[in-house]
């Protein structure tokens, strides 16, 4: 008989952001879908802040774009008045290091929205915009949700 993996448990929904705990991994994360996307999405986009306590990863920012990014195209994250150049490939983007993760999360706590922008291989626009109301609470809930896994 095969054991079924436990589904992530909701820690709470805070405006447009949700916080979840996945005990099988273990990991916790805050996640949201974009409020607006330019053009027709090719994949389901989302932004998240994750915690993997057994790997000592805390507050890691990740974004999945709505479209495939062209090779060599810059990936820009704007949070309020702060701008960050993310690393990644294809539809994946993340901060270049833990210091950038912390700066992004700090900016998310006080800004009303953030946007991720790049271009496709053919030069089409990629722009996914997220509302940040509830993000700080969801991030805190995810951090607390994994505190017992340490």
Protein backbone atom coordinates (compact mmCIF):
# COMPACT_ATOMS: atom_id res chain seq x y z
CA UNK A 1 0.00 0.00 0.00
CA UNK A 2 1.25 3.47 -0.85
CA UNK A 3 1.13 6.28 1.68
CA UNK A 4 -0.55 9.40 0.38
CA UNK A 5 1.26 12.66 0.91
CA UNK A 6 -0.57 15.10 3.16
CA UNK A 7 -2.02 18.07 1.33
CA UNK A 8 -0.83 21.50 2.42
CA UNK A 9 -2.90 22.91 5.29
CA UNK A 10 -4.22 26.46 5.05
CA UNK A 11 -2.84 28.69 7.80
CA UNK A 12 -5.04 31.56 6.71
CA UNK A 13 -6.22 33.71 3.83
CA UNK A 14 -5.37 37.40 4.18
CA UNK A 15 -6.98 39.52 1.47
CA UNK A 16 -5.38 38.21 -1.74
CA UNK A 17 -2.59 36.26 0.00
CA UNK A 18 -2.75 32.77 1.48
CA UNK A 19 -0.42 31.06 3.94
CA UNK A 20 0.06 27.28 3.83
CA UNK A 21 1.97 24.57 5.67
CA UNK A 22 3.13 21.41 3.92
CA UNK A 23 4.17 18.97 6.68
CA UNK A 24 5.43 16.33 4.25
CA UNK A 25 8.35 18.47 3.02
CA UNK A 26 8.25 20.31 5.62
CA UNK A 27 7.76 23.82 4.30
CA UNK A 28 5.50 26.83 4.71
CA UNK A 29 4.77 29.61 2.27
CA UNK A 30 2.77 32.75 1.58
CA UNK A 31 1.42 32.88 -1.96
CA UNK A 32 -0.70 35.07 -4.24
CA UNK A 33 -1.85 35.18 -7.84
CA UNK A 34 -1.38 38.38 -9.83
CA UNK A 35 -4.19 40.93 -9.73
CA UNK A 36 -3.41 41.88 -13.34
CA UNK A 37 -1.43 40.44 -16.23
CA UNK A 38 -0.69 41.98 -19.62
CA UNK A 39 -1.89 39.77 -22.46
CA UNK A 40 -2.96 36.15 -22.26
CA UNK A 41 -1.08 34.11 -19.63
CA UNK A 42 0.68 30.95 -20.85
CA UNK A 43 1.08 29.48 -17.35
CA UNK A 44 -0.49 30.12 -13.94
CA UNK A 45 1.59 32.91 -12.42
CA UNK A 46 2.17 33.43 -8.70
CA UNK A 47 4.51 35.07 -6.21
CA UNK A 48 5.54 33.40 -2.97
CA UNK A 49 7.72 33.69 0.10
CA UNK A 50 8.85 30.30 1.37
CA UNK A 51 10.33 28.69 4.47
CA UNK A 52 12.16 25.32 4.49
CA UNK A 53 13.31 24.97 8.11
CA UNK A 54 15.28 21.73 7.66
CA UNK A 55 17.32 23.41 4.92
CA UNK A 56 17.64 26.61 6.99
CA UNK A 57 15.91 28.63 4.28
CA UNK A 58 13.82 31.48 5.64
CA UNK A 59 11.93 34.11 3.70
CA UNK A 60 12.90 33.10 0.15
CA UNK A 61 11.13 35.12 -2.57
CA UNK A 62 10.04 33.33 -5.75
CA UNK A 63 7.91 34.33 -8.71
CA UNK A 64 6.50 32.30 -11.57
CA UNK A 65 5.83 34.48 -14.59
CA UNK A 66 2.68 34.34 -16.69
CA UNK A 67 4.77 33.83 -19.86
CA UNK A 68 8.10 32.30 -20.84
CA UNK A 69 10.89 34.88 -20.56
CA UNK A 70 13.28 35.21 -23.46
CA UNK A 71 16.89 34.12 -22.91
CA UNK A 72 19.02 37.03 -21.72
CA UNK A 73 16.00 39.24 -20.98
CA UNK A 74 16.24 41.19 -17.73
CA UNK A 75 13.69 40.34 -15.03
CA UNK A 76 12.70 43.40 -12.98
CA UNK A 77 10.72 43.43 -9.75
CA UNK A 78 9.31 46.77 -8.61
CA UNK A 79 7.95 46.93 -5.06
CA UNK A 80 6.66 50.40 -4.27
CA UNK A 81 9.62 52.66 -5.13
CA UNK A 82 12.24 49.88 -4.83
CA UNK A 83 13.57 48.03 -7.89
CA UNK A 84 15.29 44.66 -7.94
CA UNK A 85 16.85 42.65 -10.76
CA UNK A 86 15.91 39.01 -10.23
CA UNK A 87 17.72 35.95 -11.48
CA UNK A 88 16.13 32.82 -12.92
CA UNK A 89 15.17 31.25 -16.23
CA UNK A 90 12.10 30.58 -18.32
CA UNK A 91 9.06 31.34 -16.17
CA UNK A 92 11.03 31.22 -12.87
CA UNK A 93 12.49 34.16 -10.97
CA UNK A 94 14.06 34.61 -7.56
CA UNK A 95 16.33 36.90 -5.56
CA UNK A 96 20.06 36.55 -6.14
CA UNK A 97 20.83 36.04 -2.43
CA UNK A 98 19.39 36.09 1.10
CA UNK A 99 20.13 39.81 1.48
CA UNK A 100 17.98 40.60 -1.57
CA UNK A 101 15.24 38.28 -0.22
CA UNK A 102 15.18 40.31 3.01
CA UNK A 103 15.09 43.64 1.13
CA UNK A 104 12.22 42.44 -1.08
CA UNK A 105 10.19 41.25 1.90
CA UNK A 106 10.84 44.52 3.77
CA UNK A 107 9.62 46.48 0.73
CA UNK A 108 6.56 44.21 0.40
CA UNK A 109 5.55 45.05 3.99
CA UNK A 110 5.05 48.74 3.22
CA UNK A 111 4.12 48.94 -0.47
CA UNK A 112 0.59 48.70 -1.88
CA UNK A 113 1.63 46.66 -4.93
CA UNK A 114 4.50 45.06 -6.80
CA UNK A 115 5.07 44.20 -10.44
CA UNK A 116 7.32 41.78 -12.26
CA UNK A 117 8.33 42.72 -15.79
CA UNK A 118 10.36 41.19 -18.59
CA UNK A 119 10.02 40.27 -22.25
CA UNK A 120 9.37 37.12 -24.23
CA UNK A 121 11.80 35.78 -26.83
CA UNK A 122 9.82 37.60 -29.53
CA UNK A 123 9.84 40.89 -27.60
CA UNK A 124 6.32 40.67 -26.17
CA UNK A 125 5.71 42.23 -22.78
CA UNK A 126 5.53 40.25 -19.56
CA UNK A 127 4.00 42.25 -16.72
CA UNK A 128 2.37 40.65 -13.69
CA UNK A 129 1.07 42.97 -10.95
CA UNK A 130 0.30 41.89 -7.40
CA UNK A 131 -1.64 43.66 -4.67
CA UNK A 132 0.25 43.50 -1.39
CA UNK A 133 -2.60 43.98 1.04
CA UNK A 134 -2.43 40.96 3.36
CA UNK A 135 1.07 39.95 2.19
CA UNK A 136 2.84 40.85 5.46
CA UNK A 137 0.31 38.91 7.54
CA UNK A 138 0.54 35.88 5.23
CA UNK A 139 4.36 35.97 5.33
CA UNK A 140 4.28 36.13 9.14
CA UNK A 141 1.74 33.26 9.29
CA UNK A 142 3.98 31.13 7.06
CA UNK A 143 7.03 31.86 9.25
CA UNK A 144 5.10 30.95 12.40
CA UNK A 145 3.63 27.88 10.73
CA UNK A 146 7.10 26.40 10.30
CA UNK A 147 8.53 27.49 13.64
CA UNK A 148 7.84 24.06 15.18
CA UNK A 149 9.83 22.24 12.45
CA UNK A 150 13.19 23.67 13.51
